[in-house]
Amino acid sequence: MATTRVIGARGKDHFRRALKILIPAALVLLVLTLGSSPMALASHTHTTFFEAILIGKFAFTSATTVAASGKGASFPLGRVTAKGTVSIASNTGTPSVILTTANGDELFLTTMGTATFTSSTTAVFSGAYAITGGTGHLVHATGHGTVNIVADLTSSSSGTFFARICGDITV
């Protein structure tokens, strides 16, 4: 003959207290186990659309070098400032561009392309970019895409620019 045991009010309270301790402990153990697995570590890297719209100023620092700085917005980085230098010794250049995020992390880009004067005071640069790393959470960043810049000379040695950088980023 089978016997049935009835849990009283005290037993239910002990059971509830045990669940309050065991469930969070099990969740912590699960998170720690998944967090140390190679699959979980790989899931922290992802590729997404990248775009930056920048406006700023530039100045010739020598007959063949231009320094630029500006600000703008980027997806997914948010507000950014930009600074860069380009050698224009030939019709192509390899600028080094640094985008700095609001929290101070930096994203490093190199670009290659061609500048063409569309008027006596306006040049259009079209080319490609490659993300070559950064600082902070962007230290291992990679990516590539296109860059287009319109630069207007406001004097014989300086001017303003508008830039659009569009492609992808992996962080």
C-alpha atoms as a PDB file:
ATOM      1  CA  MET A   1       0.000   0.000   0.000  1.00  0.00           C
ATOM      2  CA  ALA A   2       1.386   3.354  -1.066  1.00  0.00           C
ATOM      3  CA  THR A   3       1.481   6.220   1.329  1.00  0.00           C
ATOM      4  CA  THR A   4       1.027   9.832   0.377  1.00  0.00           C
ATOM      5  CA  ARG A   5       2.930  12.461   2.240  1.00  0.00           C
ATOM      6  CA  VAL A   6       1.430  15.918   2.556  1.00  0.00           C
ATOM      7  CA  ILE A   7       3.807  18.874   2.807  1.00  0.00           C
ATOM      8  CA  GLY A   8       2.657  21.338   5.398  1.00  0.00           C
ATOM      9  CA  ALA A   9       3.013  25.098   5.421  1.00  0.00           C
ATOM     10  CA  ARG A  10       6.527  24.835   6.889  1.00  0.00           C
ATOM     11  CA  GLY A  11       7.626  22.483   4.150  1.00  0.00           C
ATOM     12  CA  LYS A  12       6.372  24.853   1.451  1.00  0.00           C
ATOM     13  CA  ASP A  13       8.331  27.726   3.019  1.00  0.00           C
ATOM     14  CA  HIS A  14      11.537  25.640   3.072  1.00  0.00           C
ATOM     15  CA  PHE A  15      10.917  24.612  -0.552  1.00  0.00           C
ATOM     16  CA  ARG A  16      10.407  28.230  -1.656  1.00  0.00           C
ATOM     17  CA  ARG A  17      13.571  29.358   0.156  1.00  0.00           C
ATOM     18  CA  ALA A  18      15.546  26.573  -1.483  1.00  0.00           C
ATOM     19  CA  LEU A  19      14.260  27.605  -4.921  1.00  0.00           C
ATOM     20  CA  LYS A  20      15.202  31.239  -4.254  1.00  0.00           C
ATOM     21  CA  ILE A  21      18.785  30.104  -3.666  1.00  0.00           C
ATOM     22  CA  LEU A  22      19.056  27.318  -6.257  1.00  0.00           C
ATOM     23  CA  ILE A  23      17.599  29.127  -9.282  1.00  0.00           C
ATOM     24  CA  PRO A  24      19.964  32.146  -9.145  1.00  0.00           C
ATOM     25  CA  ALA A  25      22.900  29.835  -8.421  1.00  0.00           C
ATOM     26  CA  ALA A  26      21.999  27.690 -11.441  1.00  0.00           C
ATOM     27  CA  LEU A  27      21.711  30.787 -13.652  1.00  0.00           C
ATOM     28  CA  VAL A  28      25.125  32.062 -12.513  1.00  0.00           C
ATOM     29  CA  LEU A  29      26.653  28.642 -13.216  1.00  0.00           C
ATOM     30  CA  LEU A  30      25.046  28.581 -16.676  1.00  0.00           C
ATOM     31  CA  VAL A  31      26.334  32.069 -17.529  1.00  0.00           C
ATOM     32  CA  LEU A  32      29.841  31.214 -16.334  1.00  0.00           C
ATOM     33  CA  THR A  33      29.848  27.983 -18.324  1.00  0.00           C
ATOM     34  CA  LEU A  34      28.614  29.625 -21.533  1.00  0.00           C
ATOM     35  CA  GLY A  35      30.832  32.672 -21.047  1.00  0.00           C
ATOM     36  CA  SER A  36      34.002  30.573 -21.089  1.00  0.00           C
ATOM     37  CA  SER A  37      33.121  28.447 -24.109  1.00  0.00           C
ATOM     38  CA  PRO A  38      34.790  29.179 -27.469  1.00  0.00           C
ATOM     39  CA  MET A  39      31.372  29.488 -29.126  1.00  0.00           C
ATOM     40  CA  ALA A  40      30.272  32.156 -26.674  1.00  0.00           C
ATOM     41  CA  LEU A  41      33.529  34.072 -27.157  1.00  0.00           C
ATOM     42  CA  ALA A  42      33.086  33.986 -30.935  1.00  0.00           C
ATOM     43  CA  SER A  43      29.602  35.448 -30.617  1.00  0.00           C
ATOM     44  CA  HIS A  44      31.111  38.702 -29.288  1.00  0.00           C
ATOM     45  CA  THR A  45      32.440  39.501 -32.785  1.00  0.00           C
ATOM     46  CA  HIS A  46      29.917  40.714 -35.305  1.00  0.00           C
ATOM     47  CA  THR A  47      29.818  42.585 -38.604  1.00  0.00           C
ATOM     48  CA  THR A  48      27.392  45.415 -39.158  1.00  0.00           C
ATOM     49  CA  PHE A  49      26.716  48.338 -41.490  1.00  0.00           C
ATOM     50  CA  PHE A  50      29.063  51.284 -40.964  1.00  0.00           C
ATOM     51  CA  GLU A  51      28.530  54.870 -42.029  1.00  0.00           C
ATOM     52  CA  ALA A  52      30.080  58.188 -41.015  1.00  0.00           C
ATOM     53  CA  ILE A  53      29.012  61.629 -42.207  1.00  0.00           C
ATOM     54  CA  LEU A  54      31.625  64.295 -41.458  1.00  0.00           C
ATOM     55  CA  ILE A  55      32.107  68.018 -42.003  1.00  0.00           C
ATOM     56  CA  GLY A  56      35.227  69.950 -41.224  1.00  0.00           C
ATOM     57  CA  LYS A  57      38.172  72.049 -42.276  1.00  0.00           C
ATOM     58  CA  PHE A  58      41.460  71.267 -43.946  1.00  0.00           C
ATOM     59  CA  ALA A  59      44.726  73.104 -44.494  1.00  0.00           C
ATOM     60  CA  PHE A  60      47.833  72.450 -46.543  1.00  0.00           C
ATOM     61  CA  THR A  61      50.734  71.815 -44.145  1.00  0.00           C
ATOM     62  CA  SER A  62      53.187  71.610 -47.058  1.00  0.00           C
ATOM     63  CA  ALA A  63      52.978  71.660 -50.831  1.00  0.00           C
ATOM     64  CA  THR A  64      52.072  67.944 -50.818  1.00  0.00           C
ATOM     65  CA  THR A  65      50.366  67.342 -47.449  1.00  0.00           C
ATOM     66  CA  VAL A  66      46.903  68.235 -46.201  1.00  0.00           C
ATOM     67  CA  ALA A  67      45.740  67.995 -42.568  1.00  0.00           C
ATOM     68  CA  ALA A  68      41.999  67.812 -41.854  1.00  0.00           C
ATOM     69  CA  SER A  69      39.781  67.783 -38.786  1.00  0.00           C
ATOM     70  CA  GLY A  70      36.044  67.664 -38.381  1.00  0.00           C
ATOM     71  CA  LYS A  71      33.083  66.197 -36.599  1.00  0.00           C
ATOM     72  CA  GLY A  72      29.972  64.271 -37.425  1.00  0.00           C
ATOM     73  CA  ALA A  73      27.882  61.228 -36.742  1.00  0.00           C
ATOM     74  CA  SER A  74      28.479  57.551 -37.326  1.00  0.00           C
ATOM     75  CA  PHE A  75      26.441  54.408 -37.185  1.00  0.00           C
ATOM     76  CA  PRO A  76      27.089  52.472 -34.966  1.00  0.00           C
ATOM     77  CA  LEU A  77      29.596  54.720 -33.151  1.00  0.00           C
ATOM     78  CA  GLY A  78      27.410  57.788 -32.544  1.00  0.00           C
ATOM     79  CA  ARG A  79      28.969  61.253 -32.450  1.00  0.00           C
ATOM     80  CA  VAL A  80      32.572  61.301 -33.623  1.00  0.00           C
ATOM     81  CA  THR A  81      35.407  63.696 -34.244  1.00  0.00           C
ATOM     82  CA  ALA A  82      37.809  63.105 -37.113  1.00  0.00           C
ATOM     83  CA  LYS A  83      41.381  63.994 -37.896  1.00  0.00           C
ATOM     84  CA  GLY A  84      43.550  62.931 -40.756  1.00  0.00           C
ATOM     85  CA  THR A  85      46.513  63.632 -42.975  1.00  0.00           C
ATOM     86  CA  VAL A  86      46.837  62.942 -46.693  1.00  0.00           C
ATOM     87  CA  SER A  87      49.818  63.036 -48.993  1.00  0.00           C
ATOM     88  CA  ILE A  88      48.880  64.463 -52.372  1.00  0.00           C
ATOM     89  CA  ALA A  89      52.266  64.054 -54.050  1.00  0.00           C
ATOM     90  CA  SER A  90      50.496  62.400 -56.982  1.00  0.00           C
ATOM     91  CA  ASN A  91      46.885  62.250 -58.114  1.00  0.00           C
ATOM     92  CA  THR A  92      46.226  59.546 -55.490  1.00  0.00           C
ATOM     93  CA  GLY A  93      46.709  59.677 -51.767  1.00  0.00           C
ATOM     94  CA  THR A  94      46.732  57.442 -48.730  1.00  0.00           C
ATOM     95  CA  PRO A  95      45.202  59.387 -45.858  1.00  0.00           C
ATOM     96  CA  SER A  96      45.352  58.187 -42.321  1.00  0.00           C
ATOM     97  CA  VAL A  97      42.035  58.923 -40.613  1.00  0.00           C
ATOM     98  CA  ILE A  98      41.215  58.599 -36.921  1.00  0.00           C
ATOM     99  CA  LEU A  99      37.597  58.737 -35.760  1.00  0.00           C
ATOM    100  CA  THR A 100      37.243  59.374 -32.023  1.00  0.00           C
ATOM    101  CA  THR A 101      34.024  58.364 -30.272  1.00  0.00           C
ATOM    102  CA  ALA A 102      32.343  60.226 -27.416  1.00  0.00           C
ATOM    103  CA  ASN A 103      33.947  57.883 -24.854  1.00  0.00           C
ATOM    104  CA  GLY A 104      37.452  58.407 -26.313  1.00  0.00           C
ATOM    105  CA  ASP A 105      37.813  55.135 -28.236  1.00  0.00           C
ATOM    106  CA  GLU A 106      39.517  55.586 -31.592  1.00  0.00           C
ATOM    107  CA  LEU A 107      38.914  53.874 -34.939  1.00  0.00           C
ATOM    108  CA  PHE A 108      41.796  53.818 -37.457  1.00  0.00           C
ATOM    109  CA  LEU A 109      41.098  53.972 -41.202  1.00  0.00           C
ATOM    110  CA  THR A 110      43.302  54.107 -44.267  1.00  0.00           C
ATOM    111  CA  THR A 111      41.933  55.158 -47.615  1.00  0.00           C
ATOM    112  CA  MET A 112      43.075  55.086 -51.210  1.00  0.00           C
ATOM    113  CA  GLY A 113      41.475  56.916 -54.069  1.00  0.00           C
ATOM    114  CA  THR A 114      41.622  59.685 -56.601  1.00  0.00           C
ATOM    115  CA  ALA A 115      40.951  63.399 -56.273  1.00  0.00           C
ATOM    116  CA  THR A 116      39.555  65.306 -59.228  1.00  0.00           C
ATOM    117  CA  PHE A 117      38.998  69.049 -59.474  1.00  0.00           C
ATOM    118  CA  THR A 118      35.461  69.746 -60.681  1.00  0.00           C
ATOM    119  CA  SER A 119      36.082  73.514 -60.630  1.00  0.00           C
ATOM    120  CA  SER A 120      38.947  75.823 -59.727  1.00  0.00           C
ATOM    121  CA  THR A 121      37.914  75.664 -56.033  1.00  0.00           C
ATOM    122  CA  THR A 122      36.239  72.244 -55.636  1.00  0.00           C
ATOM    123  CA  ALA A 123      37.847  68.795 -55.523  1.00  0.00           C
ATOM    124  CA  VAL A 124      36.054  65.447 -55.244  1.00  0.00           C
ATOM    125  CA  PHE A 125      37.861  62.478 -53.682  1.00  0.00           C
ATOM    126  CA  SER A 126      36.443  59.014 -54.365  1.00  0.00           C
ATOM    127  CA  GLY A 127      37.951  55.811 -53.100  1.00  0.00           C
ATOM    128  CA  ALA A 128      37.895  52.940 -50.652  1.00  0.00           C
ATOM    129  CA  TYR A 129      38.660  52.622 -46.969  1.00  0.00           C
ATOM    130  CA  ALA A 130      39.950  49.843 -44.741  1.00  0.00           C
ATOM    131  CA  ILE A 131      39.529  49.795 -40.957  1.00  0.00           C
ATOM    132  CA  THR A 132      42.869  48.804 -39.430  1.00  0.00           C
ATOM    133  CA  GLY A 133      42.014  48.630 -35.722  1.00  0.00           C
ATOM    134  CA  GLY A 134      41.583  51.151 -32.979  1.00  0.00           C
ATOM    135  CA  THR A 135      41.658  51.599 -29.225  1.00  0.00           C
ATOM    136  CA  GLY A 136      39.332  50.510 -26.422  1.00  0.00           C
ATOM    137  CA  HIS A 137      36.477  48.314 -27.626  1.00  0.00           C
ATOM    138  CA  LEU A 138      37.573  49.014 -31.239  1.00  0.00           C
ATOM    139  CA  VAL A 139      41.090  47.582 -30.829  1.00  0.00           C
ATOM    140  CA  HIS A 140      40.369  44.560 -33.080  1.00  0.00           C
ATOM    141  CA  ALA A 141      38.022  46.354 -35.492  1.00  0.00           C
ATOM    142  CA  THR A 142      38.186  45.581 -39.200  1.00  0.00           C
ATOM    143  CA  GLY A 143      36.065  46.571 -42.168  1.00  0.00           C
ATOM    144  CA  HIS A 144      35.996  48.146 -45.588  1.00  0.00           C
ATOM    145  CA  GLY A 145      33.859  50.214 -47.920  1.00  0.00           C
ATOM    146  CA  THR A 146      33.767  53.440 -49.907  1.00  0.00           C
ATOM    147  CA  VAL A 147      34.677  57.021 -49.073  1.00  0.00           C
ATOM    148  CA  ASN A 148      33.576  60.165 -50.892  1.00  0.00           C
ATOM    149  CA  ILE A 149      34.782  63.646 -50.007  1.00  0.00           C
ATOM    150  CA  VAL A 150      33.901  67.022 -51.480  1.00  0.00           C
ATOM    151  CA  ALA A 151      36.466  69.692 -50.592  1.00  0.00           C
ATOM    152  CA  ASP A 152      36.013  73.406 -51.251  1.00  0.00           C
ATOM    153  CA  LEU A 153      39.010  75.742 -51.180  1.00  0.00           C
ATOM    154  CA  THR A 154      38.200  78.904 -49.238  1.00  0.00           C
ATOM    155  CA  SER A 155      41.722  80.280 -49.628  1.00  0.00           C
ATOM    156  CA  SER A 156      44.875  79.223 -51.421  1.00  0.00           C
ATOM    157  CA  SER A 157      45.905  77.037 -48.475  1.00  0.00           C
ATOM    158  CA  SER A 158      42.722  75.912 -46.677  1.00  0.00           C
ATOM    159  CA  GLY A 159      39.078  75.018 -47.045  1.00  0.00           C
ATOM    160  CA  THR A 160      36.114  72.970 -45.872  1.00  0.00           C
ATOM    161  CA  PHE A 161      35.022  69.411 -46.599  1.00  0.00           C
ATOM    162  CA  PHE A 162      32.036  67.082 -46.482  1.00  0.00           C
ATOM    163  CA  ALA A 163      32.766  63.332 -46.262  1.00  0.00           C
ATOM    164  CA  ARG A 164      30.670  60.166 -46.391  1.00  0.00           C
ATOM    165  CA  ILE A 165      32.222  56.850 -45.403  1.00  0.00           C
ATOM    166  CA  CYS A 166      30.011  53.809 -45.985  1.00  0.00           C
ATOM    167  CA  GLY A 167      30.583  50.063 -45.731  1.00  0.00           C
ATOM    168  CA  ASP A 168      30.923  47.557 -42.917  1.00  0.00           C
ATOM    169  CA  ILE A 169      32.689  47.162 -39.589  1.00  0.00           C
ATOM    170  CA  THR A 170      33.506  44.047 -37.579  1.00  0.00           C
ATOM    171  CA  VAL A 171      34.071  44.463 -33.841  1.00  0.00           C
END
